[in-house]
C-alpha atoms as a PDB file:
ATOM      1  CA  UNK A   1     243.559  17.240 103.713  1.00  0.00           C
ATOM      2  CA  UNK A   2     241.816  19.405 101.137  1.00  0.00           C
ATOM      3  CA  UNK A   3     239.056  18.381  99.254  1.00  0.00           C
ATOM      4  CA  UNK A   4     236.851  19.424  95.899  1.00  0.00           C
ATOM      5  CA  UNK A   5     233.236  18.996  95.846  1.00  0.00           C
ATOM      6  CA  UNK A   6     232.314  17.660  92.389  1.00  0.00           C
ATOM      7  CA  UNK A   7     229.049  19.791  92.217  1.00  0.00           C
ATOM      8  CA  UNK A   8     227.437  21.648  95.229  1.00  0.00           C
ATOM      9  CA  UNK A   9     224.248  20.100  94.549  1.00  0.00           C
ATOM     10  CA  UNK A  10     222.819  16.949  94.685  1.00  0.00           C
ATOM     11  CA  UNK A  11     220.401  14.695  94.524  1.00  0.00           C
ATOM     12  CA  UNK A  12     221.052  11.293  95.797  1.00  0.00           C
ATOM     13  CA  UNK A  13     224.574  11.059  95.588  1.00  0.00           C
ATOM     14  CA  UNK A  14     227.658  13.103  96.544  1.00  0.00           C
ATOM     15  CA  UNK A  15     230.855  13.248  95.121  1.00  0.00           C
ATOM     16  CA  UNK A  16     234.171  14.624  96.159  1.00  0.00           C
ATOM     17  CA  UNK A  17     237.821  14.137  95.466  1.00  0.00           C
ATOM     18  CA  UNK A  18     240.721  14.393  98.146  1.00  0.00           C
ATOM     19  CA  UNK A  19     244.016  16.301  97.004  1.00  0.00           C
ATOM     20  CA  UNK A  20     247.110  14.870  98.912  1.00  0.00           C
ATOM     21  CA  UNK A  21     245.405  11.909 100.307  1.00  0.00           C
ATOM     22  CA  UNK A  22     246.659   9.806 102.675  1.00  0.00           C
ATOM     23  CA  UNK A  23     246.260   6.264 104.012  1.00  0.00           C
ATOM     24  CA  UNK A  24     243.694   7.188 106.638  1.00  0.00           C
ATOM     25  CA  UNK A  25     240.240   7.250 107.201  1.00  0.00           C
ATOM     26  CA  UNK A  26     237.398   9.898 106.572  1.00  0.00           C
ATOM     27  CA  UNK A  27     234.507  11.006 108.324  1.00  0.00           C
ATOM     28  CA  UNK A  28     231.493  13.007 106.311  1.00  0.00           C
ATOM     29  CA  UNK A  29     228.589  14.388 108.231  1.00  0.00           C
ATOM     30  CA  UNK A  30     225.967  15.682 106.836  1.00  0.00           C
ATOM     31  CA  UNK A  31     223.791  18.874 108.362  1.00  0.00           C
ATOM     32  CA  UNK A  32     220.814  20.384 107.771  1.00  0.00           C
ATOM     33  CA  UNK A  33     220.152  24.035 108.013  1.00  0.00           C
ATOM     34  CA  UNK A  34     219.349  23.739 112.132  1.00  0.00           C
ATOM     35  CA  UNK A  35     222.456  21.646 112.373  1.00  0.00           C
ATOM     36  CA  UNK A  36     221.144  18.535 112.828  1.00  0.00           C
ATOM     37  CA  UNK A  37     222.659  15.767 111.592  1.00  0.00           C
ATOM     38  CA  UNK A  38     221.147  14.031 108.843  1.00  0.00           C
ATOM     39  CA  UNK A  39     223.437  11.846 107.617  1.00  0.00           C
ATOM     40  CA  UNK A  40     227.202  10.389 108.477  1.00  0.00           C
ATOM     41  CA  UNK A  41     229.898   8.497 106.347  1.00  0.00           C
ATOM     42  CA  UNK A  42     232.953   6.922 107.290  1.00  0.00           C
ATOM     43  CA  UNK A  43     235.301   5.196 105.022  1.00  0.00           C
ATOM     44  CA  UNK A  44     239.007   4.265 105.014  1.00  0.00           C
ATOM     45  CA  UNK A  45     240.734   6.093 101.594  1.00  0.00           C
ATOM     46  CA  UNK A  46     244.063   5.610  99.513  1.00  0.00           C
ATOM     47  CA  UNK A  47     245.941   7.332  97.571  1.00  0.00           C
ATOM     48  CA  UNK A  48     245.731   5.596  94.333  1.00  0.00           C
ATOM     49  CA  UNK A  49     241.411   6.042  94.633  1.00  0.00           C
ATOM     50  CA  UNK A  50     241.172   9.750  95.648  1.00  0.00           C
ATOM     51  CA  UNK A  51     237.304   9.775  94.891  1.00  0.00           C
ATOM     52  CA  UNK A  52     234.627   9.159  96.904  1.00  0.00           C
ATOM     53  CA  UNK A  53     231.259   8.541  96.086  1.00  0.00           C
ATOM     54  CA  UNK A  54     228.453   9.022  98.884  1.00  0.00           C
ATOM     55  CA  UNK A  55     225.169   7.064  97.733  1.00  0.00           C
ATOM     56  CA  UNK A  56     222.159   6.768  99.665  1.00  0.00           C
ATOM     57  CA  UNK A  57     221.088  10.087 100.157  1.00  0.00           C
ATOM     58  CA  UNK A  58     217.468  10.214  98.480  1.00  0.00           C
ATOM     59  CA  UNK A  59     215.428  10.181 101.352  1.00  0.00           C
ATOM     60  CA  UNK A  60     216.557  13.455 102.685  1.00  0.00           C
ATOM     61  CA  UNK A  61     214.263  16.618 102.183  1.00  0.00           C
ATOM     62  CA  UNK A  62     215.195  18.986  99.629  1.00  0.00           C
ATOM     63  CA  UNK A  63     216.762  22.193 101.100  1.00  0.00           C
ATOM     64  CA  UNK A  64     220.134  23.436 102.207  1.00  0.00           C
ATOM     65  CA  UNK A  65     223.008  21.596 103.763  1.00  0.00           C
ATOM     66  CA  UNK A  66     226.499  21.765 105.408  1.00  0.00           C
ATOM     67  CA  UNK A  67     228.906  18.943 104.352  1.00  0.00           C
ATOM     68  CA  UNK A  68     231.798  18.235 106.648  1.00  0.00           C
ATOM     69  CA  UNK A  69     234.634  16.499 105.969  1.00  0.00           C
ATOM     70  CA  UNK A  70     237.033  15.631 108.622  1.00  0.00           C
ATOM     71  CA  UNK A  71     240.786  13.706 108.985  1.00  0.00           C
ATOM     72  CA  UNK A  72     241.999  13.471 112.061  1.00  0.00           C
ATOM     73  CA  UNK A  73     241.843  17.215 113.450  1.00  0.00           C
ATOM     74  CA  UNK A  74     241.499  18.948 109.715  1.00  0.00           C
ATOM     75  CA  UNK A  75     238.025  19.824 109.131  1.00  0.00           C
ATOM     76  CA  UNK A  76     236.845  21.280 106.167  1.00  0.00           C
ATOM     77  CA  UNK A  77     233.017  22.573 105.282  1.00  0.00           C
ATOM     78  CA  UNK A  78     230.687  22.876 102.437  1.00  0.00           C
ATOM     79  CA  UNK A  79     227.583  24.497 101.608  1.00  0.00           C
ATOM     80  CA  UNK A  80     225.556  21.996  99.379  1.00  0.00           C
ATOM     81  CA  UNK A  81     221.797  22.102  98.194  1.00  0.00           C
ATOM     82  CA  UNK A  82     219.497  19.099  97.368  1.00  0.00           C
ATOM     83  CA  UNK A  83     217.353  19.626  94.522  1.00  0.00           C
ATOM     84  CA  UNK A  84     214.657  17.935  92.881  1.00  0.00           C
END
């Protein structure tokens, strides 16, 4: 699984696109700079709908986060910034 994040900055929504997805589940975890889990998201995706929108992140404090996307044993990480 290879993913592309639409933007490395977010306010209340994260958007990312899965490249070459298959019918399977996706788990996303958002961690703060200390490594604590701030939010989790899990979904089933299909090839016809490769874009994933993660809403409801408005209550998180501003700062730097790590987005971890995992698909089975594969995992990819992105540095994200929550801004005003």
